[in-house]
Amino acid sequence: MLIGEVARRSGVSARMLRHYESLGLVRPTGRTGSGYREYSNENIRRVFHIESLRSLGLSLSDVGRALDDPGFAPAELVEDLARRTRERIAAEKELLTRLRRIGAAEPADWEDVLQTVALLKDLRSDSAGARQRAALSAAEEVPVPVEALVEAALDEPDPSVAGALRWALAHAGGDAPALLAEGLAAPSAEVRERAVRALAEIPDDPATALLRDALTSPDGVVRAHAALALGTRGVAEAVPTLIDMVVEGRNDTDAADALSALASDPAAAERIAAGLVHRLSHGDPGPPARRRLTQALADIPGTTASHALAALSADEDRAVSLTARYVLTLRGAR
């Protein structure tokens, strides 16, 4: 069988077959009287074997070892090929993500493309200063896809950079709340906290809805940040969580401030006071918890809070009773 026929049957070009021959991978069985190469059926099978191994990513030298070395062990080489393939796929995915984000920025010219590329690169810089500058630029100068800002915000460990990224997201609009919602369910507690803190700084309705949902999160830190943000937005659903925070001593001062803000409405003030009184009379709170509850009641107007403070003025804990009496004195002077 001549080289042209082999090329036709195998799909490998005559030029490549000659290259295989030069490397010793395929050896024609002989020559015709005119000097043309002759190949046997065994040669063709060998060509198919070579192509199969090449399709796995083996180099031609590895192909030769695999076919001719009886002691060749494929397991280690296959594992190495798998590792290199994973790395290549990861690199291609990263490139695809970068291209998609550049496209989402809707660049008008190549200068815009270069600026967006530079910002995306800086958001992943090892320098906290570079990341912070990129975050601030993203909100003020060069549009950066919200997806990239969210990814950076959820990964950012530096407090100053994280603050800049949250500020940028608050000004970015778009799908930021929906993208941050995925972070609320992340396995990492740090990522969940970054997500809820970012949502807390976005003032739109979708963010508020997600913060409402976060009140039922199994993560106490997420619940706390959500409740504080909702309290400043006048959302009464945050009250039970805020009271829990006062009792447990988690950001209790901020929680009390949020309750005070919500209590600007008289009807809400009575409900909040009732909730605080309920916690005083149930579960046997210790002196530290009673002190915090008393301090929280001090900023809640209305008769329910005043009656509770009157009862607390006789509390066995001196700090509780003195606080209650002082607050009642101030109320009486008004």
C-alpha atoms as a PDB file:
ATOM      1  CA  MET A   1       0.000   0.000   0.000  1.00  0.00           C
ATOM      2  CA  LEU A   2       1.469   3.322  -1.044  1.00  0.00           C
ATOM      3  CA  ILE A   3       1.641   6.438   1.131  1.00  0.00           C
ATOM      4  CA  GLY A   4      -1.244   8.145  -0.659  1.00  0.00           C
ATOM      5  CA  GLU A   5      -3.577   5.242   0.123  1.00  0.00           C
ATOM      6  CA  VAL A   6      -2.447   5.191   3.749  1.00  0.00           C
ATOM      7  CA  ALA A   7      -3.114   8.917   4.016  1.00  0.00           C
ATOM      8  CA  ARG A   8      -6.596   8.462   2.557  1.00  0.00           C
ATOM      9  CA  ARG A   9      -7.517   5.599   4.901  1.00  0.00           C
ATOM     10  CA  SER A  10      -6.039   7.078   8.070  1.00  0.00           C
ATOM     11  CA  GLY A  11      -6.791  10.754   7.553  1.00  0.00           C
ATOM     12  CA  VAL A  12      -3.150  11.573   8.300  1.00  0.00           C
ATOM     13  CA  SER A  13      -1.392  13.628   5.650  1.00  0.00           C
ATOM     14  CA  ALA A  14       1.483  12.175   3.630  1.00  0.00           C
ATOM     15  CA  ARG A  15       3.691  14.915   5.040  1.00  0.00           C
ATOM     16  CA  MET A  16       2.881  13.873   8.611  1.00  0.00           C
ATOM     17  CA  LEU A  17       3.456  10.201   7.747  1.00  0.00           C
ATOM     18  CA  ARG A  18       6.922  11.104   6.503  1.00  0.00           C
ATOM     19  CA  HIS A  19       7.487  13.027   9.749  1.00  0.00           C
ATOM     20  CA  TYR A  20       6.459   9.945  11.755  1.00  0.00           C
ATOM     21  CA  GLU A  21       8.904   7.901   9.704  1.00  0.00           C
ATOM     22  CA  SER A  22      11.719  10.388  10.387  1.00  0.00           C
ATOM     23  CA  LEU A  23      11.063   9.967  14.128  1.00  0.00           C
ATOM     24  CA  GLY A  24      10.959   6.206  13.890  1.00  0.00           C
ATOM     25  CA  LEU A  25       7.312   5.997  14.895  1.00  0.00           C
ATOM     26  CA  VAL A  26       6.192   4.289  11.662  1.00  0.00           C
ATOM     27  CA  ARG A  27       8.486   2.295   9.437  1.00  0.00           C
ATOM     28  CA  PRO A  28       7.276   1.329   5.963  1.00  0.00           C
ATOM     29  CA  THR A  29       7.634  -2.376   5.240  1.00  0.00           C
ATOM     30  CA  GLY A  30       9.680  -1.669   2.132  1.00  0.00           C
ATOM     31  CA  ARG A  31       9.920   0.148  -1.200  1.00  0.00           C
ATOM     32  CA  THR A  32       8.505  -0.531  -4.641  1.00  0.00           C
ATOM     33  CA  GLY A  33      10.761  -1.002  -7.641  1.00  0.00           C
ATOM     34  CA  SER A  34      10.237   2.680  -8.333  1.00  0.00           C
ATOM     35  CA  GLY A  35      11.354   3.618  -4.808  1.00  0.00           C
ATOM     36  CA  TYR A  36       7.910   4.432  -3.362  1.00  0.00           C
ATOM     37  CA  ARG A  37       7.225   3.562   0.267  1.00  0.00           C
ATOM     38  CA  GLU A  38       5.053   0.523   0.914  1.00  0.00           C
ATOM     39  CA  TYR A  39       2.942   0.194   4.054  1.00  0.00           C
ATOM     40  CA  SER A  40       1.276  -2.886   5.514  1.00  0.00           C
ATOM     41  CA  ASN A  41      -2.005  -3.204   7.399  1.00  0.00           C
ATOM     42  CA  GLU A  42       0.071  -3.338  10.592  1.00  0.00           C
ATOM     43  CA  ASN A  43       1.552   0.030   9.671  1.00  0.00           C
ATOM     44  CA  ILE A  44      -1.937   1.485   9.335  1.00  0.00           C
ATOM     45  CA  ARG A  45      -2.933   0.104  12.759  1.00  0.00           C
ATOM     46  CA  ARG A  46       0.201   1.727  14.160  1.00  0.00           C
ATOM     47  CA  VAL A  47      -0.797   5.080  12.639  1.00  0.00           C
ATOM     48  CA  PHE A  48      -4.241   4.809  14.269  1.00  0.00           C
ATOM     49  CA  HIS A  49      -2.596   4.038  17.625  1.00  0.00           C
ATOM     50  CA  ILE A  50      -0.356   7.088  17.273  1.00  0.00           C
ATOM     51  CA  GLU A  51      -3.313   9.342  16.500  1.00  0.00           C
ATOM     52  CA  SER A  52      -5.309   7.960  19.420  1.00  0.00           C
ATOM     53  CA  LEU A  53      -2.498   8.677  21.875  1.00  0.00           C
ATOM     54  CA  ARG A  54      -1.912  12.122  20.412  1.00  0.00           C
ATOM     55  CA  SER A  55      -5.602  12.901  20.930  1.00  0.00           C
ATOM     56  CA  LEU A  56      -4.999  12.451  24.668  1.00  0.00           C
ATOM     57  CA  GLY A  57      -2.334  15.145  24.598  1.00  0.00           C
ATOM     58  CA  LEU A  58       0.765  12.926  24.534  1.00  0.00           C
ATOM     59  CA  SER A  59       3.826  14.307  22.825  1.00  0.00           C
ATOM     60  CA  LEU A  60       5.297  12.297  19.955  1.00  0.00           C
ATOM     61  CA  SER A  61       8.208  11.232  22.153  1.00  0.00           C
ATOM     62  CA  ASP A  62       5.749   9.940  24.782  1.00  0.00           C
ATOM     63  CA  VAL A  63       3.783   8.192  22.025  1.00  0.00           C
ATOM     64  CA  GLY A  64       6.958   6.372  20.959  1.00  0.00           C
ATOM     65  CA  ARG A  65       7.683   5.280  24.527  1.00  0.00           C
ATOM     66  CA  ALA A  66       4.113   4.137  25.046  1.00  0.00           C
ATOM     67  CA  LEU A  67       4.149   1.982  21.902  1.00  0.00           C
ATOM     68  CA  ASP A  68       7.677   0.583  22.069  1.00  0.00           C
ATOM     69  CA  ASP A  69       8.793   0.472  25.702  1.00  0.00           C
ATOM     70  CA  PRO A  70       7.461  -2.701  27.393  1.00  0.00           C
ATOM     71  CA  GLY A  71       8.128  -1.186  30.816  1.00  0.00           C
ATOM     72  CA  PHE A  72       6.248   2.055  30.126  1.00  0.00           C
ATOM     73  CA  ALA A  73       3.737   2.757  32.933  1.00  0.00           C
ATOM     74  CA  PRO A  74       0.960   5.044  31.719  1.00  0.00           C
ATOM     75  CA  ALA A  75      -0.678   5.939  35.065  1.00  0.00           C
ATOM     76  CA  GLU A  76       1.722   8.743  36.054  1.00  0.00           C
ATOM     77  CA  LEU A  77       1.738  10.259  32.581  1.00  0.00           C
ATOM     78  CA  VAL A  78      -2.053  10.151  32.352  1.00  0.00           C
ATOM     79  CA  GLU A  79      -2.346  11.893  35.718  1.00  0.00           C
ATOM     80  CA  ASP A  80       0.102  14.568  34.560  1.00  0.00           C
ATOM     81  CA  LEU A  81      -1.911  15.048  31.370  1.00  0.00           C
ATOM     82  CA  ALA A  82      -5.092  15.365  33.416  1.00  0.00           C
ATOM     83  CA  ARG A  83      -3.465  18.009  35.643  1.00  0.00           C
ATOM     84  CA  ARG A  84      -2.253  20.015  32.647  1.00  0.00           C
ATOM     85  CA  THR A  85      -5.686  19.757  31.050  1.00  0.00           C
ATOM     86  CA  ARG A  86      -7.369  21.071  34.194  1.00  0.00           C
ATOM     87  CA  GLU A  87      -4.939  23.995  34.276  1.00  0.00           C
ATOM     88  CA  ARG A  88      -5.588  24.750  30.617  1.00  0.00           C
ATOM     89  CA  ILE A  89      -9.357  24.615  31.100  1.00  0.00           C
ATOM     90  CA  ALA A  90      -9.108  26.933  34.115  1.00  0.00           C
ATOM     91  CA  ALA A  91      -7.026  29.386  32.111  1.00  0.00           C
ATOM     92  CA  GLU A  92      -9.494  29.287  29.221  1.00  0.00           C
ATOM     93  CA  LYS A  93     -12.426  29.842  31.585  1.00  0.00           C
ATOM     94  CA  GLU A  94     -10.648  32.808  33.137  1.00  0.00           C
ATOM     95  CA  LEU A  95     -10.018  34.266  29.695  1.00  0.00           C
ATOM     96  CA  LEU A  96     -13.654  33.736  28.714  1.00  0.00           C
ATOM     97  CA  THR A  97     -14.831  35.451  31.896  1.00  0.00           C
ATOM     98  CA  ARG A  98     -12.512  38.372  31.261  1.00  0.00           C
ATOM     99  CA  LEU A  99     -13.718  38.764  27.675  1.00  0.00           C
ATOM    100  CA  ARG A 100     -17.368  38.563  28.755  1.00  0.00           C
ATOM    101  CA  ARG A 101     -16.798  41.244  31.369  1.00  0.00           C
ATOM    102  CA  ILE A 102     -15.022  43.522  28.935  1.00  0.00           C
ATOM    103  CA  GLY A 103     -17.937  43.090  26.549  1.00  0.00           C
ATOM    104  CA  ALA A 104     -20.423  43.880  29.319  1.00  0.00           C
ATOM    105  CA  ALA A 105     -18.666  47.208  29.884  1.00  0.00           C
ATOM    106  CA  GLU A 106     -19.663  48.132  26.294  1.00  0.00           C
ATOM    107  CA  PRO A 107     -16.338  49.724  25.328  1.00  0.00           C
ATOM    108  CA  ALA A 108     -16.580  52.421  22.657  1.00  0.00           C
ATOM    109  CA  ASP A 109     -12.990  52.026  21.462  1.00  0.00           C
ATOM    110  CA  TRP A 110      -9.749  50.218  22.211  1.00  0.00           C
ATOM    111  CA  GLU A 111      -8.815  52.823  24.811  1.00  0.00           C
ATOM    112  CA  ASP A 112     -11.910  51.802  26.783  1.00  0.00           C
ATOM    113  CA  VAL A 113     -10.951  48.151  26.381  1.00  0.00           C
ATOM    114  CA  LEU A 114      -7.444  48.797  27.711  1.00  0.00           C
ATOM    115  CA  GLN A 115      -8.775  50.772  30.683  1.00  0.00           C
ATOM    116  CA  THR A 116     -11.232  48.010  31.573  1.00  0.00           C
ATOM    117  CA  VAL A 117      -8.521  45.364  31.258  1.00  0.00           C
ATOM    118  CA  ALA A 118      -6.255  47.404  33.546  1.00  0.00           C
ATOM    119  CA  LEU A 119      -8.996  47.769  36.179  1.00  0.00           C
ATOM    120  CA  LEU A 120      -9.900  44.077  36.076  1.00  0.00           C
ATOM    121  CA  LYS A 121      -6.224  43.261  36.527  1.00  0.00           C
ATOM    122  CA  ASP A 122      -5.874  45.676  39.444  1.00  0.00           C
ATOM    123  CA  LEU A 123      -8.918  44.185  41.183  1.00  0.00           C
ATOM    124  CA  ARG A 124      -6.912  40.938  41.387  1.00  0.00           C
ATOM    125  CA  SER A 125      -3.615  42.607  42.323  1.00  0.00           C
ATOM    126  CA  ASP A 126      -1.553  41.458  45.314  1.00  0.00           C
ATOM    127  CA  SER A 127      -1.404  45.121  46.353  1.00  0.00           C
ATOM    128  CA  ALA A 128      -4.271  46.262  48.587  1.00  0.00           C
ATOM    129  CA  GLY A 129      -3.661  49.836  47.428  1.00  0.00           C
ATOM    130  CA  ALA A 130      -4.042  48.857  43.777  1.00  0.00           C
ATOM    131  CA  ARG A 131      -7.255  46.974  44.536  1.00  0.00           C
ATOM    132  CA  GLN A 132      -8.672  49.939  46.437  1.00  0.00           C
ATOM    133  CA  ARG A 133      -7.815  52.383  43.640  1.00  0.00           C
ATOM    134  CA  ALA A 134      -9.439  50.053  41.137  1.00  0.00           C
ATOM    135  CA  ALA A 135     -12.612  49.861  43.228  1.00  0.00           C
ATOM    136  CA  LEU A 136     -12.857  53.643  43.491  1.00  0.00           C
ATOM    137  CA  SER A 137     -12.133  54.089  39.781  1.00  0.00           C
ATOM    138  CA  ALA A 138     -14.809  51.527  38.931  1.00  0.00           C
ATOM    139  CA  ALA A 139     -17.437  53.726  40.528  1.00  0.00           C
ATOM    140  CA  GLU A 140     -16.163  57.097  39.323  1.00  0.00           C
ATOM    141  CA  GLU A 141     -14.301  56.745  36.045  1.00  0.00           C
ATOM    142  CA  VAL A 142     -14.272  53.506  34.085  1.00  0.00           C
ATOM    143  CA  PRO A 143     -17.325  51.218  34.081  1.00  0.00           C
ATOM    144  CA  VAL A 144     -16.461  47.758  35.382  1.00  0.00           C
ATOM    145  CA  PRO A 145     -18.939  44.894  35.090  1.00  0.00           C
ATOM    146  CA  VAL A 146     -20.894  44.420  38.301  1.00  0.00           C
ATOM    147  CA  GLU A 147     -20.055  40.709  38.235  1.00  0.00           C
ATOM    148  CA  ALA A 148     -16.351  41.531  38.606  1.00  0.00           C
ATOM    149  CA  LEU A 149     -17.018  43.924  41.487  1.00  0.00           C
ATOM    150  CA  VAL A 150     -19.165  41.360  43.307  1.00  0.00           C
ATOM    151  CA  GLU A 151     -16.523  38.658  42.872  1.00  0.00           C
ATOM    152  CA  ALA A 152     -13.870  41.011  44.233  1.00  0.00           C
ATOM    153  CA  ALA A 153     -16.062  42.112  47.155  1.00  0.00           C
ATOM    154  CA  LEU A 154     -16.817  38.531  48.205  1.00  0.00           C
ATOM    155  CA  ASP A 155     -13.104  37.624  48.082  1.00  0.00           C
ATOM    156  CA  GLU A 156     -11.632  40.758  49.669  1.00  0.00           C
ATOM    157  CA  PRO A 157     -10.010  40.274  53.107  1.00  0.00           C
ATOM    158  CA  ASP A 158      -8.673  43.827  53.571  1.00  0.00           C
ATOM    159  CA  PRO A 159     -11.207  46.022  55.465  1.00  0.00           C
ATOM    160  CA  SER A 160     -10.310  49.254  53.642  1.00  0.00           C
ATOM    161  CA  VAL A 161     -10.486  47.660  50.208  1.00  0.00           C
ATOM    162  CA  ALA A 162     -13.705  45.865  51.147  1.00  0.00           C
ATOM    163  CA  GLY A 163     -15.255  49.198  52.125  1.00  0.00           C
ATOM    164  CA  ALA A 164     -14.282  50.726  48.780  1.00  0.00           C
ATOM    165  CA  LEU A 165     -15.755  47.752  46.923  1.00  0.00           C
ATOM    166  CA  ARG A 166     -19.030  47.997  48.857  1.00  0.00           C
ATOM    167  CA  TRP A 167     -19.180  51.694  47.994  1.00  0.00           C
ATOM    168  CA  ALA A 168     -18.560  50.907  44.341  1.00  0.00           C
ATOM    169  CA  LEU A 169     -21.315  48.284  44.358  1.00  0.00           C
ATOM    170  CA  ALA A 170     -23.744  50.695  45.990  1.00  0.00           C
ATOM    171  CA  HIS A 171     -23.202  53.031  43.034  1.00  0.00           C
ATOM    172  CA  ALA A 172     -23.051  50.349  40.362  1.00  0.00           C
ATOM    173  CA  GLY A 173     -26.724  49.365  40.211  1.00  0.00           C
ATOM    174  CA  GLY A 174     -27.611  46.551  37.869  1.00  0.00           C
ATOM    175  CA  ASP A 175     -27.664  42.966  39.089  1.00  0.00           C
ATOM    176  CA  ALA A 176     -25.492  43.525  42.169  1.00  0.00           C
ATOM    177  CA  PRO A 177     -28.137  42.345  44.710  1.00  0.00           C
ATOM    178  CA  ALA A 178     -28.933  39.171  42.765  1.00  0.00           C
ATOM    179  CA  LEU A 179     -25.241  38.346  42.394  1.00  0.00           C
ATOM    180  CA  LEU A 180     -24.572  39.016  46.083  1.00  0.00           C
ATOM    181  CA  ALA A 181     -27.467  36.735  47.017  1.00  0.00           C
ATOM    182  CA  GLU A 182     -25.342  33.755  46.006  1.00  0.00           C
ATOM    183  CA  GLY A 183     -22.771  34.840  48.576  1.00  0.00           C
ATOM    184  CA  LEU A 184     -25.362  34.660  51.366  1.00  0.00           C
ATOM    185  CA  ALA A 185     -25.478  30.879  50.905  1.00  0.00           C
ATOM    186  CA  ALA A 186     -21.725  30.382  50.480  1.00  0.00           C
ATOM    187  CA  PRO A 187     -20.010  27.659  52.559  1.00  0.00           C
ATOM    188  CA  SER A 188     -17.545  30.226  53.920  1.00  0.00           C
ATOM    189  CA  ALA A 189     -18.712  32.339  56.870  1.00  0.00           C
ATOM    190  CA  GLU A 190     -16.400  35.163  55.734  1.00  0.00           C
ATOM    191  CA  VAL A 191     -18.007  35.250  52.294  1.00  0.00           C
ATOM    192  CA  ARG A 192     -21.515  35.250  53.804  1.00  0.00           C
ATOM    193  CA  GLU A 193     -20.631  38.219  55.990  1.00  0.00           C
ATOM    194  CA  ARG A 194     -19.110  40.128  53.066  1.00  0.00           C
ATOM    195  CA  ALA A 195     -22.242  39.502  51.028  1.00  0.00           C
ATOM    196  CA  VAL A 196     -24.682  40.755  53.657  1.00  0.00           C
ATOM    197  CA  ARG A 197     -22.537  43.801  54.438  1.00  0.00           C
ATOM    198  CA  ALA A 198     -22.452  44.706  50.762  1.00  0.00           C
ATOM    199  CA  LEU A 199     -26.229  44.300  50.497  1.00  0.00           C
ATOM    200  CA  ALA A 200     -26.646  46.509  53.564  1.00  0.00           C
ATOM    201  CA  GLU A 201     -25.076  49.418  51.665  1.00  0.00           C
ATOM    202  CA  ILE A 202     -27.256  49.047  48.563  1.00  0.00           C
ATOM    203  CA  PRO A 203     -30.410  51.121  49.157  1.00  0.00           C
ATOM    204  CA  ASP A 204     -32.712  49.658  46.496  1.00  0.00           C
ATOM    205  CA  ASP A 205     -35.768  47.429  46.936  1.00  0.00           C
ATOM    206  CA  PRO A 206     -34.158  44.184  45.683  1.00  0.00           C
ATOM    207  CA  ALA A 207     -31.432  44.533  48.313  1.00  0.00           C
ATOM    208  CA  THR A 208     -34.027  45.189  51.014  1.00  0.00           C
ATOM    209  CA  ALA A 209     -35.956  42.078  49.985  1.00  0.00           C
ATOM    210  CA  LEU A 210     -32.810  39.966  50.227  1.00  0.00           C
ATOM    211  CA  LEU A 211     -32.021  41.427  53.643  1.00  0.00           C
ATOM    212  CA  ARG A 212     -35.511  40.447  54.779  1.00  0.00           C
ATOM    213  CA  ASP A 213     -34.828  36.895  53.634  1.00  0.00           C
ATOM    214  CA  ALA A 214     -31.482  36.981  55.460  1.00  0.00           C
ATOM    215  CA  LEU A 215     -33.310  37.417  58.790  1.00  0.00           C
ATOM    216  CA  THR A 216     -34.007  33.661  58.660  1.00  0.00           C
ATOM    217  CA  SER A 217     -30.389  32.722  57.881  1.00  0.00           C
ATOM    218  CA  PRO A 218     -28.860  30.073  60.141  1.00  0.00           C
ATOM    219  CA  ASP A 219     -25.790  32.316  60.346  1.00  0.00           C
ATOM    220  CA  GLY A 220     -26.174  34.675  63.314  1.00  0.00           C
ATOM    221  CA  VAL A 221     -23.708  37.191  61.866  1.00  0.00           C
ATOM    222  CA  VAL A 222     -25.740  37.402  58.651  1.00  0.00           C
ATOM    223  CA  ARG A 223     -28.966  37.862  60.631  1.00  0.00           C
ATOM    224  CA  ALA A 224     -27.378  40.620  62.714  1.00  0.00           C
ATOM    225  CA  HIS A 225     -26.092  42.641  59.769  1.00  0.00           C
ATOM    226  CA  ALA A 226     -29.406  42.226  57.961  1.00  0.00           C
ATOM    227  CA  ALA A 227     -31.395  43.371  61.005  1.00  0.00           C
ATOM    228  CA  LEU A 228     -29.240  46.461  61.550  1.00  0.00           C
ATOM    229  CA  ALA A 229     -29.581  47.478  57.914  1.00  0.00           C
ATOM    230  CA  LEU A 230     -33.336  46.883  57.908  1.00  0.00           C
ATOM    231  CA  GLY A 231     -33.720  48.808  61.141  1.00  0.00           C
ATOM    232  CA  THR A 232     -32.246  51.908  59.527  1.00  0.00           C
ATOM    233  CA  ARG A 233     -34.704  51.425  56.644  1.00  0.00           C
ATOM    234  CA  GLY A 234     -37.693  51.324  58.973  1.00  0.00           C
ATOM    235  CA  VAL A 235     -38.497  47.644  58.406  1.00  0.00           C
ATOM    236  CA  ALA A 236     -40.314  46.343  61.500  1.00  0.00           C
ATOM    237  CA  GLU A 237     -39.564  42.708  60.640  1.00  0.00           C
ATOM    238  CA  ALA A 238     -36.070  43.303  62.020  1.00  0.00           C
ATOM    239  CA  VAL A 239     -37.315  43.918  65.586  1.00  0.00           C
ATOM    240  CA  PRO A 240     -37.182  40.302  66.918  1.00  0.00           C
ATOM    241  CA  THR A 241     -33.628  39.848  65.674  1.00  0.00           C
ATOM    242  CA  LEU A 242     -32.573  43.228  67.072  1.00  0.00           C
ATOM    243  CA  ILE A 243     -33.987  42.268  70.484  1.00  0.00           C
ATOM    244  CA  ASP A 244     -32.131  38.951  70.300  1.00  0.00           C
ATOM    245  CA  MET A 245     -28.932  40.904  69.662  1.00  0.00           C
ATOM    246  CA  VAL A 246     -29.531  43.040  72.748  1.00  0.00           C
ATOM    247  CA  VAL A 247     -30.124  39.977  74.919  1.00  0.00           C
ATOM    248  CA  GLU A 248     -27.122  38.106  73.540  1.00  0.00           C
ATOM    249  CA  GLY A 249     -24.780  41.096  73.619  1.00  0.00           C
ATOM    250  CA  ARG A 250     -23.960  40.951  69.871  1.00  0.00           C
ATOM    251  CA  ASN A 251     -23.633  44.501  68.530  1.00  0.00           C
ATOM    252  CA  ASP A 252     -26.136  45.351  71.250  1.00  0.00           C
ATOM    253  CA  THR A 253     -25.448  49.102  71.187  1.00  0.00           C
ATOM    254  CA  ASP A 254     -26.092  49.271  67.432  1.00  0.00           C
ATOM    255  CA  ALA A 255     -29.162  47.063  67.850  1.00  0.00           C
ATOM    256  CA  ALA A 256     -30.545  49.352  70.565  1.00  0.00           C
ATOM    257  CA  ASP A 257     -29.965  52.367  68.308  1.00  0.00           C
ATOM    258  CA  ALA A 258     -31.854  50.620  65.497  1.00  0.00           C
ATOM    259  CA  LEU A 259     -34.745  49.827  67.852  1.00  0.00           C
ATOM    260  CA  SER A 260     -34.828  53.459  68.951  1.00  0.00           C
ATOM    261  CA  ALA A 261     -35.035  54.588  65.327  1.00  0.00           C
ATOM    262  CA  LEU A 262     -37.889  52.190  64.638  1.00  0.00           C
ATOM    263  CA  ALA A 263     -39.677  53.415  67.785  1.00  0.00           C
ATOM    264  CA  SER A 264     -40.244  56.853  66.273  1.00  0.00           C
ATOM    265  CA  ASP A 265     -43.689  55.523  65.350  1.00  0.00           C
ATOM    266  CA  PRO A 266     -45.805  55.319  68.570  1.00  0.00           C
ATOM    267  CA  ALA A 267     -47.460  52.027  67.644  1.00  0.00           C
ATOM    268  CA  ALA A 268     -44.092  50.489  66.789  1.00  0.00           C
ATOM    269  CA  ALA A 269     -42.658  51.836  70.057  1.00  0.00           C
ATOM    270  CA  GLU A 270     -45.288  49.953  72.067  1.00  0.00           C
ATOM    271  CA  ARG A 271     -44.585  46.719  70.177  1.00  0.00           C
ATOM    272  CA  ILE A 272     -40.846  47.079  70.665  1.00  0.00           C
ATOM    273  CA  ALA A 273     -41.267  47.811  74.366  1.00  0.00           C
ATOM    274  CA  ALA A 274     -43.530  44.778  74.722  1.00  0.00           C
ATOM    275  CA  GLY A 275     -40.914  42.628  73.041  1.00  0.00           C
ATOM    276  CA  LEU A 276     -38.176  43.870  75.384  1.00  0.00           C
ATOM    277  CA  VAL A 277     -40.403  43.333  78.440  1.00  0.00           C
ATOM    278  CA  HIS A 278     -41.200  39.811  77.264  1.00  0.00           C
ATOM    279  CA  ARG A 279     -37.497  38.992  77.164  1.00  0.00           C
ATOM    280  CA  LEU A 280     -37.055  40.409  80.668  1.00  0.00           C
ATOM    281  CA  SER A 281     -39.751  38.143  82.085  1.00  0.00           C
ATOM    282  CA  HIS A 282     -38.963  34.956  80.150  1.00  0.00           C
ATOM    283  CA  GLY A 283     -35.857  32.805  79.994  1.00  0.00           C
ATOM    284  CA  ASP A 284     -34.416  34.158  83.272  1.00  0.00           C
ATOM    285  CA  PRO A 285     -31.940  36.620  81.716  1.00  0.00           C
ATOM    286  CA  GLY A 286     -28.888  37.216  83.883  1.00  0.00           C
ATOM    287  CA  PRO A 287     -27.785  40.635  85.163  1.00  0.00           C
ATOM    288  CA  PRO A 288     -25.712  41.534  82.031  1.00  0.00           C
ATOM    289  CA  ALA A 289     -28.696  40.832  79.753  1.00  0.00           C
ATOM    290  CA  ARG A 290     -31.075  42.781  82.041  1.00  0.00           C
ATOM    291  CA  ARG A 291     -28.685  45.745  81.951  1.00  0.00           C
ATOM    292  CA  ARG A 292     -28.671  45.734  78.162  1.00  0.00           C
ATOM    293  CA  LEU A 293     -32.451  45.380  77.985  1.00  0.00           C
ATOM    294  CA  THR A 294     -32.850  48.264  80.449  1.00  0.00           C
ATOM    295  CA  GLN A 295     -30.571  50.471  78.387  1.00  0.00           C
ATOM    296  CA  ALA A 296     -32.547  49.563  75.270  1.00  0.00           C
ATOM    297  CA  LEU A 297     -35.846  50.430  77.001  1.00  0.00           C
ATOM    298  CA  ALA A 298     -34.391  53.798  77.948  1.00  0.00           C
ATOM    299  CA  ASP A 299     -34.585  54.933  74.321  1.00  0.00           C
ATOM    300  CA  ILE A 300     -38.108  53.624  73.679  1.00  0.00           C
ATOM    301  CA  PRO A 301     -40.892  56.136  74.321  1.00  0.00           C
ATOM    302  CA  GLY A 302     -44.361  55.254  75.581  1.00  0.00           C
ATOM    303  CA  THR A 303     -46.151  53.934  78.609  1.00  0.00           C
ATOM    304  CA  THR A 304     -45.133  50.295  78.223  1.00  0.00           C
ATOM    305  CA  ALA A 305     -41.453  51.206  78.390  1.00  0.00           C
ATOM    306  CA  SER A 306     -42.029  53.547  81.343  1.00  0.00           C
ATOM    307  CA  HIS A 307     -43.927  50.900  83.328  1.00  0.00           C
ATOM    308  CA  ALA A 308     -41.157  48.393  82.640  1.00  0.00           C
ATOM    309  CA  LEU A 309     -38.526  50.857  83.815  1.00  0.00           C
ATOM    310  CA  ALA A 310     -40.515  51.499  86.990  1.00  0.00           C
ATOM    311  CA  ALA A 311     -40.461  47.780  87.738  1.00  0.00           C
ATOM    312  CA  LEU A 312     -36.744  47.596  86.948  1.00  0.00           C
ATOM    313  CA  SER A 313     -35.992  50.441  89.381  1.00  0.00           C
ATOM    314  CA  ALA A 314     -36.368  47.834  92.124  1.00  0.00           C
ATOM    315  CA  ASP A 315     -34.220  45.223  90.393  1.00  0.00           C
ATOM    316  CA  GLU A 316     -31.805  43.308  92.610  1.00  0.00           C
ATOM    317  CA  ASP A 317     -28.955  44.233  90.293  1.00  0.00           C
ATOM    318  CA  ARG A 318     -27.760  47.690  91.327  1.00  0.00           C
ATOM    319  CA  ALA A 319     -26.662  48.726  87.826  1.00  0.00           C
ATOM    320  CA  VAL A 320     -30.098  47.825  86.447  1.00  0.00           C
ATOM    321  CA  SER A 321     -32.022  49.668  89.168  1.00  0.00           C
ATOM    322  CA  LEU A 322     -29.856  52.808  88.983  1.00  0.00           C
ATOM    323  CA  THR A 323     -30.180  52.956  85.190  1.00  0.00           C
ATOM    324  CA  ALA A 324     -33.954  52.541  85.376  1.00  0.00           C
ATOM    325  CA  ARG A 325     -34.314  55.248  88.058  1.00  0.00           C
ATOM    326  CA  TYR A 326     -32.120  57.671  86.123  1.00  0.00           C
ATOM    327  CA  VAL A 327     -34.120  57.193  82.944  1.00  0.00           C
ATOM    328  CA  LEU A 328     -37.411  57.629  84.792  1.00  0.00           C
ATOM    329  CA  THR A 329     -36.066  60.866  86.323  1.00  0.00           C
ATOM    330  CA  LEU A 330     -35.223  62.148  82.849  1.00  0.00           C
ATOM    331  CA  ARG A 331     -38.658  61.207  81.556  1.00  0.00           C
ATOM    332  CA  GLY A 332     -40.322  62.949  84.470  1.00  0.00           C
ATOM    333  CA  ALA A 333     -38.364  66.111  83.765  1.00  0.00           C
ATOM    334  CA  ARG A 334     -39.631  66.305  80.180  1.00  0.00           C
END
